Amino acid sequence: MKICALCLPAEVDKQIIDDLTETVSEDKRKRIARYLRHEDMLRALLGEILARLMICRETKIRSSDIEFYTNEYGKPFLRGVDNLFFNVSHSGSWVVCALDTQPVGIDVEKMEPIKLDIAAGIFSPVEYDKMQQKQEKEKKEYFYNLWTLKESYIKNA
């Protein structure tokens, strides 16, 4: 498995964004344009660019020849490329991509302040009890570690 992480700079020149936008499909450009927040648009754009870069390096396929498709659950895949799977995640300042010969999932989350009560509806009773037994300062880290693990697992399916 290969994993690549990109930490977004505080500012990106508009010309660079425009140039990068030209390297993705028309469909992706339309989806990116719908984002209301500039940061969300940039993360989505760079997630696709990062996936393309990793796929190009692994397969020697030109970026312009890569076509992404999505399955019925919205998970992206490459048609016509056997035994190569990828997944992208982005949050906060980070964009990550995992590439493997097996189905793969990856997740990254910015550790924002959160009401940990929501874990009762997300985690199993055992997981929730384990979180509740943690010291207060460790609960948020436990929540995010378990949450990203579960997200990665689901995205792998």
N, C-alpha and C. Protein backbone atom coordinates (compact mmCIF):
# COMPACT_ATOMS: atom_id res chain seq x y z
N MET A 1 0.85 -1.17 0.00
CA MET A 1 0.00 0.00 0.00
C MET A 1 0.89 1.23 0.00
N LYS A 2 0.47 2.20 -0.77
CA LYS A 2 1.17 3.49 -0.80
C LYS A 2 0.20 4.56 -0.33
N ILE A 3 0.69 5.41 0.54
CA ILE A 3 -0.12 6.50 1.07
C ILE A 3 0.66 7.79 0.87
N CYS A 4 -0.03 8.79 0.41
CA CYS A 4 0.58 10.11 0.23
C CYS A 4 -0.31 11.13 0.93
N ALA A 5 0.32 12.05 1.65
CA ALA A 5 -0.41 13.11 2.36
C ALA A 5 0.11 14.46 1.90
N LEU A 6 -0.80 15.37 1.74
CA LEU A 6 -0.47 16.73 1.31
C LEU A 6 -1.05 17.71 2.31
N CYS A 7 -0.19 18.55 2.87
CA CYS A 7 -0.65 19.61 3.78
C CYS A 7 -0.83 20.87 2.95
N LEU A 8 -2.04 21.39 2.96
CA LEU A 8 -2.34 22.55 2.13
C LEU A 8 -1.64 23.79 2.65
N PRO A 9 -1.09 24.57 1.73
CA PRO A 9 -0.50 25.85 2.15
C PRO A 9 -1.59 26.83 2.56
N ALA A 10 -1.20 27.85 3.29
CA ALA A 10 -2.17 28.85 3.75
C ALA A 10 -2.83 29.55 2.57
N GLU A 11 -2.08 29.79 1.51
CA GLU A 11 -2.63 30.44 0.32
C GLU A 11 -2.09 29.74 -0.92
N VAL A 12 -2.93 29.67 -1.94
CA VAL A 12 -2.52 29.11 -3.23
C VAL A 12 -2.88 30.14 -4.30
N ASP A 13 -1.92 30.44 -5.14
CA ASP A 13 -2.12 31.42 -6.20
C ASP A 13 -3.29 30.99 -7.10
N LYS A 14 -4.14 31.93 -7.45
CA LYS A 14 -5.31 31.65 -8.28
C LYS A 14 -4.92 31.03 -9.62
N GLN A 15 -3.81 31.47 -10.21
CA GLN A 15 -3.37 30.92 -11.50
C GLN A 15 -3.03 29.44 -11.37
N ILE A 16 -2.42 29.06 -10.25
CA ILE A 16 -2.09 27.65 -10.02
C ILE A 16 -3.38 26.84 -9.91
N ILE A 17 -4.35 27.36 -9.18
CA ILE A 17 -5.64 26.67 -9.05
C ILE A 17 -6.29 26.52 -10.42
N ASP A 18 -6.29 27.58 -11.21
CA ASP A 18 -6.88 27.52 -12.55
C ASP A 18 -6.17 26.49 -13.41
N ASP A 19 -4.83 26.46 -13.35
CA ASP A 19 -4.06 25.49 -14.14
C ASP A 19 -4.37 24.06 -13.70
N LEU A 20 -4.42 23.83 -12.40
CA LEU A 20 -4.73 22.48 -11.90
C LEU A 20 -6.14 22.07 -12.26
N THR A 21 -7.07 23.00 -12.22
CA THR A 21 -8.46 22.70 -12.55
C THR A 21 -8.58 22.20 -13.99
N GLU A 22 -7.73 22.69 -14.86
CA GLU A 22 -7.76 22.26 -16.26
C GLU A 22 -7.32 20.81 -16.44
N THR A 23 -6.66 20.23 -15.44
CA THR A 23 -6.17 18.86 -15.58
C THR A 23 -7.18 17.80 -15.17
N VAL A 24 -8.32 18.23 -14.63
CA VAL A 24 -9.33 17.26 -14.20
C VAL A 24 -10.48 17.25 -15.20
N SER A 25 -11.33 16.26 -15.09
CA SER A 25 -12.44 16.10 -16.04
C SER A 25 -13.45 17.24 -15.92
N GLU A 26 -14.21 17.42 -16.97
CA GLU A 26 -15.26 18.44 -16.98
C GLU A 26 -16.26 18.19 -15.85
N ASP A 27 -16.61 16.92 -15.65
CA ASP A 27 -17.55 16.57 -14.58
C ASP A 27 -17.00 17.00 -13.22
N LYS A 28 -15.72 16.72 -12.99
CA LYS A 28 -15.10 17.09 -11.70
C LYS A 28 -15.06 18.61 -11.56
N ARG A 29 -14.77 19.32 -12.65
CA ARG A 29 -14.76 20.79 -12.59
C ARG A 29 -16.12 21.33 -12.17
N LYS A 30 -17.17 20.73 -12.71
CA LYS A 30 -18.53 21.18 -12.35
C LYS A 30 -18.82 20.91 -10.88
N ARG A 31 -18.41 19.73 -10.41
CA ARG A 31 -18.65 19.40 -9.00
C ARG A 31 -17.84 20.32 -8.07
N ILE A 32 -16.61 20.59 -8.46
CA ILE A 32 -15.76 21.47 -7.66
C ILE A 32 -16.35 22.88 -7.61
N ALA A 33 -16.88 23.33 -8.72
CA ALA A 33 -17.43 24.69 -8.80
C ALA A 33 -18.65 24.88 -7.88
N ARG A 34 -19.29 23.79 -7.49
CA ARG A 34 -20.48 23.89 -6.63
C ARG A 34 -20.15 24.14 -5.16
N TYR A 35 -18.89 23.94 -4.79
CA TYR A 35 -18.52 24.18 -3.39
C TYR A 35 -18.69 25.65 -3.06
N LEU A 36 -19.25 25.92 -1.90
CA LEU A 36 -19.46 27.29 -1.47
C LEU A 36 -18.20 27.89 -0.84
N ARG A 37 -17.46 27.06 -0.15
CA ARG A 37 -16.24 27.54 0.51
C ARG A 37 -15.01 27.22 -0.32
N HIS A 38 -14.14 28.20 -0.45
CA HIS A 38 -12.91 28.05 -1.24
C HIS A 38 -12.07 26.88 -0.73
N GLU A 39 -11.98 26.72 0.59
CA GLU A 39 -11.16 25.65 1.16
C GLU A 39 -11.69 24.27 0.76
N ASP A 40 -13.00 24.11 0.72
CA ASP A 40 -13.59 22.83 0.32
C ASP A 40 -13.28 22.54 -1.14
N MET A 41 -13.39 23.56 -1.98
CA MET A 41 -13.09 23.42 -3.40
C MET A 41 -11.63 23.01 -3.58
N LEU A 42 -10.74 23.66 -2.87
CA LEU A 42 -9.32 23.38 -3.00
C LEU A 42 -8.99 21.95 -2.54
N ARG A 43 -9.57 21.52 -1.43
CA ARG A 43 -9.33 20.14 -0.95
C ARG A 43 -9.83 19.11 -1.96
N ALA A 44 -11.01 19.33 -2.53
CA ALA A 44 -11.55 18.39 -3.52
C ALA A 44 -10.67 18.35 -4.77
N LEU A 45 -10.25 19.51 -5.23
CA LEU A 45 -9.38 19.58 -6.41
C LEU A 45 -8.06 18.87 -6.15
N LEU A 46 -7.42 19.18 -5.04
CA LEU A 46 -6.12 18.59 -4.75
C LEU A 46 -6.23 17.10 -4.42
N GLY A 47 -7.36 16.66 -3.91
CA GLY A 47 -7.57 15.23 -3.71
C GLY A 47 -7.53 14.48 -5.03
N GLU A 48 -8.20 15.03 -6.03
CA GLU A 48 -8.16 14.39 -7.35
C GLU A 48 -6.77 14.47 -7.96
N ILE A 49 -6.11 15.60 -7.84
CA ILE A 49 -4.76 15.76 -8.39
C ILE A 49 -3.80 14.77 -7.73
N LEU A 50 -3.90 14.62 -6.41
CA LEU A 50 -3.04 13.68 -5.69
C LEU A 50 -3.29 12.25 -6.15
N ALA A 51 -4.55 11.87 -6.30
CA ALA A 51 -4.87 10.53 -6.79
C ALA A 51 -4.30 10.32 -8.20
N ARG A 52 -4.48 11.30 -9.07
CA ARG A 52 -3.94 11.20 -10.43
C ARG A 52 -2.42 11.03 -10.42
N LEU A 53 -1.76 11.83 -9.60
CA LEU A 53 -0.30 11.76 -9.51
C LEU A 53 0.16 10.37 -9.08
N MET A 54 -0.47 9.84 -8.04
CA MET A 54 -0.08 8.51 -7.56
C MET A 54 -0.36 7.43 -8.59
N ILE A 55 -1.51 7.52 -9.26
CA ILE A 55 -1.86 6.53 -10.29
C ILE A 55 -0.90 6.62 -11.47
N CYS A 56 -0.58 7.83 -11.89
CA CYS A 56 0.37 8.01 -12.99
C CYS A 56 1.72 7.39 -12.66
N ARG A 57 2.20 7.64 -11.46
CA ARG A 57 3.50 7.10 -11.06
C ARG A 57 3.48 5.57 -11.00
N GLU A 58 2.37 5.02 -10.57
CA GLU A 58 2.26 3.57 -10.41
C GLU A 58 2.07 2.85 -11.75
N THR A 59 1.31 3.45 -12.64
CA THR A 59 0.91 2.76 -13.87
C THR A 59 1.57 3.27 -15.14
N LYS A 60 2.17 4.45 -15.09
CA LYS A 60 2.74 5.13 -16.27
C LYS A 60 1.65 5.59 -17.23
N ILE A 61 0.39 5.58 -16.79
CA ILE A 61 -0.72 6.13 -17.58
C ILE A 61 -0.65 7.65 -17.47
N ARG A 62 -0.88 8.34 -18.55
CA ARG A 62 -0.91 9.81 -18.52
C ARG A 62 -2.16 10.28 -17.78
N SER A 63 -2.04 11.37 -17.08
CA SER A 63 -3.17 11.90 -16.33
C SER A 63 -4.38 12.14 -17.23
N SER A 64 -4.13 12.62 -18.43
CA SER A 64 -5.24 12.92 -19.35
C SER A 64 -5.98 11.66 -19.79
N ASP A 65 -5.35 10.50 -19.61
CA ASP A 65 -5.98 9.23 -19.99
C ASP A 65 -6.71 8.55 -18.83
N ILE A 66 -6.60 9.12 -17.66
CA ILE A 66 -7.25 8.54 -16.48
C ILE A 66 -8.70 9.01 -16.43
N GLU A 67 -9.61 8.05 -16.30
CA GLU A 67 -11.02 8.36 -16.13
C GLU A 67 -11.51 7.72 -14.84
N PHE A 68 -12.04 8.55 -13.98
CA PHE A 68 -12.60 8.05 -12.73
C PHE A 68 -14.08 7.79 -12.90
N TYR A 69 -14.53 6.72 -12.29
CA TYR A 69 -15.95 6.37 -12.25
C TYR A 69 -16.32 6.18 -10.80
N THR A 70 -17.59 6.14 -10.50
CA THR A 70 -18.02 5.86 -9.13
C THR A 70 -18.99 4.69 -9.13
N ASN A 71 -18.91 3.89 -8.07
CA ASN A 71 -19.84 2.78 -7.94
C ASN A 71 -21.16 3.28 -7.36
N GLU A 72 -22.07 2.38 -7.08
CA GLU A 72 -23.40 2.78 -6.60
C GLU A 72 -23.36 3.47 -5.23
N TYR A 73 -22.25 3.34 -4.52
CA TYR A 73 -22.11 3.98 -3.21
C TYR A 73 -21.30 5.27 -3.29
N GLY A 74 -20.89 5.64 -4.49
CA GLY A 74 -20.13 6.87 -4.68
C GLY A 74 -18.62 6.71 -4.55
N LYS A 75 -18.16 5.46 -4.36
CA LYS A 75 -16.72 5.24 -4.24
C LYS A 75 -16.08 5.30 -5.62
N PRO A 76 -15.01 6.09 -5.77
CA PRO A 76 -14.36 6.20 -7.08
C PRO A 76 -13.53 4.96 -7.41
N PHE A 77 -13.45 4.67 -8.71
CA PHE A 77 -12.60 3.58 -9.17
C PHE A 77 -12.14 3.87 -10.59
N LEU A 78 -11.15 3.10 -11.03
CA LEU A 78 -10.62 3.20 -12.39
C LEU A 78 -11.18 2.06 -13.22
N ARG A 79 -11.79 2.36 -14.30
CA ARG A 79 -12.27 1.31 -15.20
C ARG A 79 -11.12 0.94 -16.15
N GLY A 80 -10.94 -0.35 -16.37
CA GLY A 80 -9.92 -0.81 -17.31
C GLY A 80 -8.53 -0.94 -16.72
N VAL A 81 -8.38 -0.69 -15.44
CA VAL A 81 -7.09 -0.87 -14.77
C VAL A 81 -7.30 -1.93 -13.70
N ASP A 82 -6.77 -3.12 -13.96
CA ASP A 82 -6.97 -4.23 -13.04
C ASP A 82 -6.04 -4.11 -11.83
N ASN A 83 -6.54 -4.55 -10.71
CA ASN A 83 -5.75 -4.67 -9.48
C ASN A 83 -5.11 -3.36 -9.02
N LEU A 84 -5.81 -2.26 -9.21
CA LEU A 84 -5.34 -1.00 -8.66
C LEU A 84 -6.53 -0.26 -8.07
N PHE A 85 -6.45 -0.02 -6.79
CA PHE A 85 -7.54 0.61 -6.05
C PHE A 85 -7.00 1.84 -5.33
N PHE A 86 -7.86 2.82 -5.16
CA PHE A 86 -7.42 4.04 -4.48
C PHE A 86 -8.58 4.61 -3.68
N ASN A 87 -8.22 5.48 -2.76
CA ASN A 87 -9.22 6.19 -1.99
C ASN A 87 -8.61 7.50 -1.53
N VAL A 88 -9.45 8.52 -1.44
CA VAL A 88 -9.00 9.87 -1.08
C VAL A 88 -9.84 10.37 0.10
N SER A 89 -9.20 11.15 0.94
CA SER A 89 -9.91 11.82 2.03
C SER A 89 -9.28 13.19 2.24
N HIS A 90 -10.08 14.12 2.72
CA HIS A 90 -9.53 15.44 3.03
C HIS A 90 -10.33 16.08 4.15
N SER A 91 -9.60 16.81 4.98
CA SER A 91 -10.22 17.52 6.09
C SER A 91 -9.22 18.53 6.62
N GLY A 92 -9.71 19.69 6.99
CA GLY A 92 -8.80 20.71 7.51
C GLY A 92 -7.74 21.04 6.48
N SER A 93 -6.49 20.99 6.88
CA SER A 93 -5.37 21.31 5.99
C SER A 93 -4.83 20.09 5.25
N TRP A 94 -5.45 18.94 5.41
CA TRP A 94 -4.86 17.71 4.88
C TRP A 94 -5.69 17.08 3.76
N VAL A 95 -4.95 16.56 2.78
CA VAL A 95 -5.51 15.74 1.72
C VAL A 95 -4.66 14.48 1.70
N VAL A 96 -5.30 13.30 1.73
CA VAL A 96 -4.56 12.04 1.73
C VAL A 96 -5.12 11.12 0.65
N CYS A 97 -4.24 10.27 0.14
CA CYS A 97 -4.65 9.28 -0.86
C CYS A 97 -3.93 7.98 -0.56
N ALA A 98 -4.66 6.87 -0.65
CA ALA A 98 -4.09 5.54 -0.49
C ALA A 98 -4.27 4.80 -1.81
N LEU A 99 -3.26 4.03 -2.19
CA LEU A 99 -3.25 3.28 -3.44
C LEU A 99 -2.77 1.87 -3.13
N ASP A 100 -3.47 0.86 -3.66
CA ASP A 100 -3.09 -0.51 -3.36
C ASP A 100 -3.60 -1.45 -4.44
N THR A 101 -3.11 -2.68 -4.39
CA THR A 101 -3.59 -3.72 -5.32
C THR A 101 -4.84 -4.41 -4.78
N GLN A 102 -5.23 -4.06 -3.57
CA GLN A 102 -6.45 -4.57 -2.93
C GLN A 102 -7.38 -3.37 -2.70
N PRO A 103 -8.68 -3.61 -2.54
CA PRO A 103 -9.55 -2.49 -2.17
C PRO A 103 -9.03 -1.79 -0.91
N VAL A 104 -9.10 -0.47 -0.90
CA VAL A 104 -8.48 0.30 0.16
C VAL A 104 -9.39 1.45 0.58
N GLY A 105 -9.31 1.81 1.85
CA GLY A 105 -10.04 2.97 2.36
C GLY A 105 -9.11 3.79 3.24
N ILE A 106 -9.30 5.09 3.22
CA ILE A 106 -8.49 5.98 4.07
C ILE A 106 -9.38 7.12 4.54
N ASP A 107 -9.09 7.62 5.73
CA ASP A 107 -9.86 8.76 6.23
C ASP A 107 -8.95 9.65 7.06
N VAL A 108 -9.19 10.93 6.96
CA VAL A 108 -8.49 11.92 7.78
C VAL A 108 -9.55 12.90 8.27
N GLU A 109 -9.42 13.32 9.50
CA GLU A 109 -10.38 14.27 10.08
C GLU A 109 -9.63 15.31 10.89
N LYS A 110 -10.02 16.55 10.72
CA LYS A 110 -9.51 17.61 11.58
C LYS A 110 -10.18 17.44 12.94
N MET A 111 -9.37 17.45 13.98
CA MET A 111 -9.90 17.21 15.32
C MET A 111 -10.49 18.51 15.88
N GLU A 112 -11.71 18.76 15.49
CA GLU A 112 -12.45 19.94 15.95
C GLU A 112 -13.05 19.65 17.32
N PRO A 113 -13.37 20.70 18.07
CA PRO A 113 -14.15 20.46 19.29
C PRO A 113 -15.46 19.77 18.91
N ILE A 114 -15.86 18.81 19.69
CA ILE A 114 -17.03 18.01 19.33
C ILE A 114 -17.79 17.62 20.59
N LYS A 115 -19.09 17.52 20.47
CA LYS A 115 -19.90 17.01 21.57
C LYS A 115 -19.83 15.49 21.50
N LEU A 116 -19.15 14.92 22.44
CA LEU A 116 -18.89 13.48 22.41
C LEU A 116 -20.14 12.64 22.63
N ASP A 117 -21.24 13.26 23.01
CA ASP A 117 -22.50 12.52 23.18
C ASP A 117 -22.93 11.85 21.88
N ILE A 118 -22.55 12.42 20.74
CA ILE A 118 -22.96 11.82 19.46
C ILE A 118 -22.38 10.43 19.28
N ALA A 119 -21.30 10.12 20.00
CA ALA A 119 -20.68 8.80 19.90
C ALA A 119 -21.64 7.69 20.32
N ALA A 120 -22.58 8.00 21.18
CA ALA A 120 -23.54 6.98 21.64
C ALA A 120 -24.35 6.43 20.48
N GLY A 121 -24.61 7.23 19.49
CA GLY A 121 -25.37 6.78 18.32
C GLY A 121 -24.51 6.23 17.20
N ILE A 122 -23.19 6.34 17.34
CA ILE A 122 -22.27 5.93 16.27
C ILE A 122 -21.49 4.68 16.68
N PHE A 123 -21.03 4.66 17.91
CA PHE A 123 -20.19 3.57 18.39
C PHE A 123 -21.04 2.47 19.00
N SER A 124 -20.45 1.29 19.05
CA SER A 124 -21.12 0.19 19.75
C SER A 124 -21.13 0.52 21.25
N PRO A 125 -21.99 -0.15 22.01
CA PRO A 125 -22.00 0.10 23.46
C PRO A 125 -20.63 -0.13 24.11
N VAL A 126 -19.92 -1.14 23.66
CA VAL A 126 -18.58 -1.42 24.22
C VAL A 126 -17.62 -0.29 23.88
N GLU A 127 -17.64 0.16 22.63
CA GLU A 127 -16.75 1.26 22.22
C GLU A 127 -17.08 2.54 22.98
N TYR A 128 -18.36 2.82 23.13
CA TYR A 128 -18.79 4.03 23.84
C TYR A 128 -18.37 3.97 25.31
N ASP A 129 -18.58 2.82 25.94
CA ASP A 129 -18.17 2.66 27.34
C ASP A 129 -16.66 2.84 27.49
N LYS A 130 -15.91 2.29 26.55
CA LYS A 130 -14.45 2.42 26.60
C LYS A 130 -14.05 3.90 26.50
N MET A 131 -14.72 4.65 25.64
CA MET A 131 -14.43 6.08 25.51
C MET A 131 -14.76 6.80 26.82
N GLN A 132 -15.90 6.45 27.40
CA GLN A 132 -16.33 7.11 28.63
C GLN A 132 -15.36 6.84 29.80
N GLN A 133 -14.65 5.73 29.74
CA GLN A 133 -13.70 5.40 30.80
C GLN A 133 -12.38 6.16 30.67
N LYS A 134 -12.17 6.79 29.52
CA LYS A 134 -10.94 7.56 29.30
C LYS A 134 -10.96 8.84 30.13
N GLN A 135 -9.78 9.36 30.39
CA GLN A 135 -9.70 10.67 31.02
C GLN A 135 -10.22 11.70 30.03
N GLU A 136 -10.73 12.79 30.55
CA GLU A 136 -11.41 13.79 29.72
C GLU A 136 -10.55 14.24 28.53
N LYS A 137 -9.28 14.47 28.75
CA LYS A 137 -8.41 14.97 27.67
C LYS A 137 -8.13 13.89 26.61
N GLU A 138 -8.37 12.62 26.92
CA GLU A 138 -8.12 11.53 25.98
C GLU A 138 -9.36 11.14 25.17
N LYS A 139 -10.53 11.59 25.61
CA LYS A 139 -11.78 11.17 24.96
C LYS A 139 -11.87 11.62 23.51
N LYS A 140 -11.50 12.86 23.22
CA LYS A 140 -11.60 13.37 21.86
C LYS A 140 -10.67 12.60 20.92
N GLU A 141 -9.46 12.34 21.38
CA GLU A 141 -8.51 11.58 20.56
C GLU A 141 -9.04 10.17 20.30
N TYR A 142 -9.57 9.53 21.32
CA TYR A 142 -10.16 8.20 21.15
C TYR A 142 -11.29 8.25 20.13
N PHE A 143 -12.17 9.27 20.28
CA PHE A 143 -13.30 9.42 19.35
C PHE A 143 -12.80 9.51 17.91
N TYR A 144 -11.87 10.41 17.65
CA TYR A 144 -11.40 10.61 16.28
C TYR A 144 -10.62 9.41 15.75
N ASN A 145 -9.84 8.76 16.59
CA ASN A 145 -9.12 7.56 16.15
C ASN A 145 -10.10 6.46 15.72
N LEU A 146 -11.12 6.24 16.55
CA LEU A 146 -12.09 5.20 16.23
C LEU A 146 -12.95 5.61 15.03
N TRP A 147 -13.34 6.87 14.98
CA TRP A 147 -14.16 7.37 13.87
C TRP A 147 -13.43 7.20 12.53
N THR A 148 -12.16 7.60 12.46
CA THR A 148 -11.42 7.49 11.19
C THR A 148 -11.16 6.03 10.84
N LEU A 149 -10.97 5.19 11.84
CA LEU A 149 -10.82 3.76 11.58
C LEU A 149 -12.08 3.20 10.94
N LYS A 150 -13.23 3.55 11.50
CA LYS A 150 -14.51 3.07 10.96
C LYS A 150 -14.75 3.63 9.55
N GLU A 151 -14.47 4.90 9.35
CA GLU A 151 -14.64 5.51 8.02
C GLU A 151 -13.76 4.82 6.99
N SER A 152 -12.51 4.56 7.34
CA SER A 152 -11.59 3.88 6.43
C SER A 152 -12.10 2.50 6.07
N TYR A 153 -12.61 1.80 7.07
CA TYR A 153 -13.13 0.45 6.84
C TYR A 153 -14.33 0.49 5.89
N ILE A 154 -15.25 1.41 6.13
CA ILE A 154 -16.42 1.53 5.27
C ILE A 154 -16.02 1.92 3.85
N LYS A 155 -15.06 2.83 3.73
CA LYS A 155 -14.61 3.27 2.41
C LYS A 155 -13.86 2.16 1.67
N ASN A 156 -13.37 1.18 2.42
CA ASN A 156 -12.67 0.05 1.81
C ASN A 156 -13.65 -0.92 1.15
N ALA A 157 -14.88 -0.95 1.62
CA ALA A 157 -15.87 -1.91 1.11
C ALA A 157 -16.33 -1.57 -0.29
